[in-house]
Each structure stands twice: as structure tokens, then as C-alpha cells.
């Protein structure tokens, strides 16, 4: 069996795109608006509903909104049964029409649960000890976050 690759992930993503878009054009992604909530307007302990609320602040038409929480924010179920999640929700009306938007949320596992959510770049004590692979950016938390982002999508 071939190892997963970024190219294979994009091919899978493009298949989903073509299920809803009959045009035979290629998938094009662009980076939209970056929103930083430095004042923690919803607090530092978030529910799943609040994650959707944060995601709704981004673009709501033809968008996949990504929510990344900082190391000092806890989220319902994070580290116990999930490292991130994905979903979709109805946005607010734009010109009288309501659109759905997709979202991905991933928590920062560096200090809260690197053994659960930064694998394979962090070696938890409950599995046989062998050297873990080196995190590509030498940042276990960041690289674990990106691994979880793509697993959640």
C-alpha cells in the first residue's frame, strides 16, 4: 500500500469538489481573511457550539473556515476524545440568501496533550519507545496541529 501524500490528499479533495461543481475546472484555493481574537471574546474554555460561532466569523460563501486555538484555550473534548473536528453550518443571510460554510477546528496540543495530538512527532510513554520522527519545523505543537488539521478534513 502506498504511503499517503499531499498530492493524493488534493486528488481526494478535488473529487468532492467535482461532486458539487459540474464544471470541469480545477480546484482553486486562496487564503481569505485572517481573524485573530486576542481578547478571547468567548473566553478560554470553549464549547463545540462556540467553535462553530468562531468559525462563522470567517467567509460564509464558498469557504472552509479554519479555527486554530492557542495553547491556553481548552475546548470541550479536546485531548480526551479528539484533537480537532470538522463540520458545516448555516451562515447569516447574504443578499437574502443563506449559504452553508465548512469549518475545521484544531487545538494546540503542545502543552495540553502532545502524546495524543502531536503524534508521530511526540513519543507518548505508553507505546514502545523508539525515536519519533523529527517534526518538519522542529516544533512538535505546530507540526502536530497541522497533522491534526489534515486528519480532521
C-alpha atoms as a PDB file:
ATOM      1  CA  UNK A   1       0.000   0.000   0.000  1.00  0.00           C
ATOM      2  CA  UNK A   2       1.377   3.417  -0.957  1.00  0.00           C
ATOM      3  CA  UNK A   3       2.082   5.958   1.745  1.00  0.00           C
ATOM      4  CA  UNK A   4      -0.363   8.877   1.895  1.00  0.00           C
ATOM      5  CA  UNK A   5       0.899  12.033   0.245  1.00  0.00           C
ATOM      6  CA  UNK A   6      -0.155  15.637  -0.125  1.00  0.00           C
ATOM      7  CA  UNK A   7      -0.806  15.031  -3.834  1.00  0.00           C
ATOM      8  CA  UNK A   8      -3.183  12.142  -3.020  1.00  0.00           C
ATOM      9  CA  UNK A   9      -4.985  14.286  -0.430  1.00  0.00           C
ATOM     10  CA  UNK A  10      -5.554  17.024  -3.025  1.00  0.00           C
ATOM     11  CA  UNK A  11      -6.843  14.463  -5.549  1.00  0.00           C
ATOM     12  CA  UNK A  12      -9.397  13.277  -2.964  1.00  0.00           C
ATOM     13  CA  UNK A  13     -10.391  16.854  -2.172  1.00  0.00           C
ATOM     14  CA  UNK A  14     -10.852  17.618  -5.863  1.00  0.00           C
ATOM     15  CA  UNK A  15     -13.196  14.606  -6.237  1.00  0.00           C
ATOM     16  CA  UNK A  16     -15.513  16.099  -3.584  1.00  0.00           C
ATOM     17  CA  UNK A  17     -15.328  19.474  -5.316  1.00  0.00           C
ATOM     18  CA  UNK A  18     -16.445  17.949  -8.612  1.00  0.00           C
ATOM     19  CA  UNK A  19     -19.400  16.229  -6.927  1.00  0.00           C
ATOM     20  CA  UNK A  20     -20.982  19.657  -6.380  1.00  0.00           C
ATOM     21  CA  UNK A  21     -19.426  21.555  -9.287  1.00  0.00           C
ATOM     22  CA  UNK A  22     -20.132  20.002 -12.671  1.00  0.00           C
ATOM     23  CA  UNK A  23     -17.707  22.328 -14.462  1.00  0.00           C
ATOM     24  CA  UNK A  24     -14.547  20.508 -15.396  1.00  0.00           C
ATOM     25  CA  UNK A  25     -12.282  23.191 -13.976  1.00  0.00           C
ATOM     26  CA  UNK A  26      -9.578  22.501 -11.427  1.00  0.00           C
ATOM     27  CA  UNK A  27      -9.898  23.173  -7.745  1.00  0.00           C
ATOM     28  CA  UNK A  28      -8.519  26.562  -6.728  1.00  0.00           C
ATOM     29  CA  UNK A  29      -7.981  27.611  -3.136  1.00  0.00           C
ATOM     30  CA  UNK A  30      -6.999  31.001  -1.811  1.00  0.00           C
ATOM     31  CA  UNK A  31      -6.276  32.373   1.622  1.00  0.00           C
ATOM     32  CA  UNK A  32      -9.050  34.625   2.820  1.00  0.00           C
ATOM     33  CA  UNK A  33      -9.246  36.974   5.758  1.00  0.00           C
ATOM     34  CA  UNK A  34      -7.261  36.150   8.875  1.00  0.00           C
ATOM     35  CA  UNK A  35      -9.120  36.930  12.090  1.00  0.00           C
ATOM     36  CA  UNK A  36      -7.285  36.991  15.421  1.00  0.00           C
ATOM     37  CA  UNK A  37      -9.329  37.135  18.634  1.00  0.00           C
ATOM     38  CA  UNK A  38      -6.660  38.459  21.017  1.00  0.00           C
ATOM     39  CA  UNK A  39      -9.290  39.461  23.594  1.00  0.00           C
ATOM     40  CA  UNK A  40     -10.706  35.912  23.875  1.00  0.00           C
ATOM     41  CA  UNK A  41     -14.230  37.271  23.362  1.00  0.00           C
ATOM     42  CA  UNK A  42     -15.772  33.858  24.094  1.00  0.00           C
ATOM     43  CA  UNK A  43     -13.384  33.035  26.945  1.00  0.00           C
ATOM     44  CA  UNK A  44     -10.602  30.482  27.282  1.00  0.00           C
ATOM     45  CA  UNK A  45     -12.824  27.441  27.812  1.00  0.00           C
ATOM     46  CA  UNK A  46     -14.897  26.802  24.695  1.00  0.00           C
ATOM     47  CA  UNK A  47     -17.800  24.508  23.846  1.00  0.00           C
ATOM     48  CA  UNK A  48     -18.270  22.892  20.446  1.00  0.00           C
ATOM     49  CA  UNK A  49     -21.047  25.406  19.755  1.00  0.00           C
ATOM     50  CA  UNK A  50     -18.622  28.261  20.417  1.00  0.00           C
ATOM     51  CA  UNK A  51     -16.140  26.767  17.923  1.00  0.00           C
ATOM     52  CA  UNK A  52     -18.866  26.988  15.252  1.00  0.00           C
ATOM     53  CA  UNK A  53     -19.567  30.558  16.384  1.00  0.00           C
ATOM     54  CA  UNK A  54     -15.892  31.444  15.910  1.00  0.00           C
ATOM     55  CA  UNK A  55     -15.840  29.729  12.511  1.00  0.00           C
ATOM     56  CA  UNK A  56     -18.892  31.732  11.422  1.00  0.00           C
ATOM     57  CA  UNK A  57     -16.875  34.957  11.677  1.00  0.00           C
ATOM     58  CA  UNK A  58     -14.984  33.991   8.509  1.00  0.00           C
ATOM     59  CA  UNK A  59     -16.261  33.895   4.947  1.00  0.00           C
ATOM     60  CA  UNK A  60     -19.561  32.105   4.581  1.00  0.00           C
ATOM     61  CA  UNK A  61     -19.803  31.520   0.858  1.00  0.00           C
ATOM     62  CA  UNK A  62     -17.538  29.014  -0.875  1.00  0.00           C
ATOM     63  CA  UNK A  63     -15.352  28.942   2.219  1.00  0.00           C
ATOM     64  CA  UNK A  64     -13.682  26.481   4.550  1.00  0.00           C
ATOM     65  CA  UNK A  65     -13.026  28.361   7.759  1.00  0.00           C
ATOM     66  CA  UNK A  66     -10.153  27.082   9.878  1.00  0.00           C
ATOM     67  CA  UNK A  67     -10.142  27.783  13.620  1.00  0.00           C
ATOM     68  CA  UNK A  68      -6.864  27.247  15.469  1.00  0.00           C
ATOM     69  CA  UNK A  69      -6.951  27.696  19.237  1.00  0.00           C
ATOM     70  CA  UNK A  70      -3.910  28.717  21.253  1.00  0.00           C
ATOM     71  CA  UNK A  71      -2.195  26.636  23.926  1.00  0.00           C
ATOM     72  CA  UNK A  72      -4.023  28.447  26.753  1.00  0.00           C
ATOM     73  CA  UNK A  73      -7.515  27.669  25.386  1.00  0.00           C
ATOM     74  CA  UNK A  74      -9.370  24.497  26.331  1.00  0.00           C
ATOM     75  CA  UNK A  75     -12.132  23.084  24.150  1.00  0.00           C
ATOM     76  CA  UNK A  76     -14.835  20.586  25.073  1.00  0.00           C
ATOM     77  CA  UNK A  77     -13.500  17.075  24.398  1.00  0.00           C
ATOM     78  CA  UNK A  78     -10.015  18.217  23.364  1.00  0.00           C
ATOM     79  CA  UNK A  79      -7.341  15.695  24.384  1.00  0.00           C
ATOM     80  CA  UNK A  80      -9.948  13.275  25.777  1.00  0.00           C
ATOM     81  CA  UNK A  81     -11.523  12.129  22.525  1.00  0.00           C
ATOM     82  CA  UNK A  82     -10.435  14.486  19.758  1.00  0.00           C
ATOM     83  CA  UNK A  83      -7.609  16.678  18.524  1.00  0.00           C
ATOM     84  CA  UNK A  84      -9.806  18.610  16.128  1.00  0.00           C
ATOM     85  CA  UNK A  85     -13.080  18.412  14.286  1.00  0.00           C
ATOM     86  CA  UNK A  86     -14.831  19.473  11.128  1.00  0.00           C
ATOM     87  CA  UNK A  87     -18.351  20.251  10.086  1.00  0.00           C
ATOM     88  CA  UNK A  88     -20.618  22.683   8.325  1.00  0.00           C
ATOM     89  CA  UNK A  89     -23.166  25.214   9.431  1.00  0.00           C
ATOM     90  CA  UNK A  90     -25.627  27.706   8.008  1.00  0.00           C
ATOM     91  CA  UNK A  91     -24.286  31.231   7.835  1.00  0.00           C
ATOM     92  CA  UNK A  92     -26.065  34.534   8.050  1.00  0.00           C
ATOM     93  CA  UNK A  93     -28.045  35.672   5.021  1.00  0.00           C
ATOM     94  CA  UNK A  94     -26.094  37.415   2.244  1.00  0.00           C
ATOM     95  CA  UNK A  95     -28.323  39.411  -0.123  1.00  0.00           C
ATOM     96  CA  UNK A  96     -31.327  37.459   1.132  1.00  0.00           C
ATOM     97  CA  UNK A  97     -29.776  34.037   0.516  1.00  0.00           C
ATOM     98  CA  UNK A  98     -28.398  31.737   3.219  1.00  0.00           C
ATOM     99  CA  UNK A  99     -25.230  29.796   2.462  1.00  0.00           C
ATOM    100  CA  UNK A 100     -23.573  26.951   4.306  1.00  0.00           C
ATOM    101  CA  UNK A 101     -19.915  27.121   5.213  1.00  0.00           C
ATOM    102  CA  UNK A 102     -17.497  24.382   6.142  1.00  0.00           C
ATOM    103  CA  UNK A 103     -15.117  24.607   9.060  1.00  0.00           C
ATOM    104  CA  UNK A 104     -12.174  22.812  10.594  1.00  0.00           C
ATOM    105  CA  UNK A 105     -11.032  23.282  14.190  1.00  0.00           C
ATOM    106  CA  UNK A 106      -7.747  22.054  15.651  1.00  0.00           C
ATOM    107  CA  UNK A 107      -6.423  22.701  19.132  1.00  0.00           C
ATOM    108  CA  UNK A 108      -2.832  23.440  20.106  1.00  0.00           C
ATOM    109  CA  UNK A 109      -1.596  20.240  21.703  1.00  0.00           C
ATOM    110  CA  UNK A 110       1.952  21.283  22.544  1.00  0.00           C
ATOM    111  CA  UNK A 111       1.383  21.712  26.286  1.00  0.00           C
ATOM    112  CA  UNK A 112      -2.041  20.113  26.830  1.00  0.00           C
ATOM    113  CA  UNK A 113      -1.660  16.669  25.238  1.00  0.00           C
ATOM    114  CA  UNK A 114       1.285  16.187  22.880  1.00  0.00           C
ATOM    115  CA  UNK A 115       1.157  12.394  23.303  1.00  0.00           C
ATOM    116  CA  UNK A 116      -2.395  12.247  21.967  1.00  0.00           C
ATOM    117  CA  UNK A 117      -2.467  15.016  19.372  1.00  0.00           C
ATOM    118  CA  UNK A 118       1.117  15.623  18.215  1.00  0.00           C
ATOM    119  CA  UNK A 119       1.839  12.044  17.228  1.00  0.00           C
ATOM    120  CA  UNK A 120       4.026  10.970  15.450  1.00  0.00           C
ATOM    121  CA  UNK A 121       6.251  13.935  16.346  1.00  0.00           C
ATOM    122  CA  UNK A 122       5.926  13.383  20.080  1.00  0.00           C
ATOM    123  CA  UNK A 123       6.519   9.964  21.634  1.00  0.00           C
ATOM    124  CA  UNK A 124       3.948   9.163  24.361  1.00  0.00           C
ATOM    125  CA  UNK A 125       5.216   6.998  27.220  1.00  0.00           C
ATOM    126  CA  UNK A 126       2.550   4.293  26.761  1.00  0.00           C
ATOM    127  CA  UNK A 127       3.912   2.954  23.446  1.00  0.00           C
ATOM    128  CA  UNK A 128       7.231   1.198  22.804  1.00  0.00           C
ATOM    129  CA  UNK A 129       9.983   3.747  22.889  1.00  0.00           C
ATOM    130  CA  UNK A 130      11.826   4.344  19.674  1.00  0.00           C
ATOM    131  CA  UNK A 131      12.918   7.709  18.366  1.00  0.00           C
ATOM    132  CA  UNK A 132       9.942   9.616  16.931  1.00  0.00           C
ATOM    133  CA  UNK A 133      10.341  11.233  13.525  1.00  0.00           C
ATOM    134  CA  UNK A 134      11.704  14.752  13.671  1.00  0.00           C
ATOM    135  CA  UNK A 135       8.959  17.335  13.323  1.00  0.00           C
ATOM    136  CA  UNK A 136       9.472  19.036   9.935  1.00  0.00           C
ATOM    137  CA  UNK A 137       9.552  22.507  11.523  1.00  0.00           C
ATOM    138  CA  UNK A 138      11.203  21.330  14.764  1.00  0.00           C
ATOM    139  CA  UNK A 139       8.032  22.443  16.567  1.00  0.00           C
ATOM    140  CA  UNK A 140       6.053  19.490  17.954  1.00  0.00           C
ATOM    141  CA  UNK A 141       2.970  21.591  18.710  1.00  0.00           C
ATOM    142  CA  UNK A 142       2.821  23.320  15.333  1.00  0.00           C
ATOM    143  CA  UNK A 143       3.519  20.210  13.286  1.00  0.00           C
ATOM    144  CA  UNK A 144       1.045  18.192  15.354  1.00  0.00           C
ATOM    145  CA  UNK A 145      -1.567  20.903  14.767  1.00  0.00           C
ATOM    146  CA  UNK A 146      -1.104  20.689  11.003  1.00  0.00           C
ATOM    147  CA  UNK A 147      -1.213  16.887  11.084  1.00  0.00           C
ATOM    148  CA  UNK A 148      -4.491  17.072  13.007  1.00  0.00           C
ATOM    149  CA  UNK A 149      -5.848  19.711  10.611  1.00  0.00           C
ATOM    150  CA  UNK A 150      -5.464  17.424   7.626  1.00  0.00           C
ATOM    151  CA  UNK A 151      -6.759  14.409   9.548  1.00  0.00           C
ATOM    152  CA  UNK A 152      -9.845  16.406  10.570  1.00  0.00           C
ATOM    153  CA  UNK A 153     -10.557  17.468   7.000  1.00  0.00           C
END
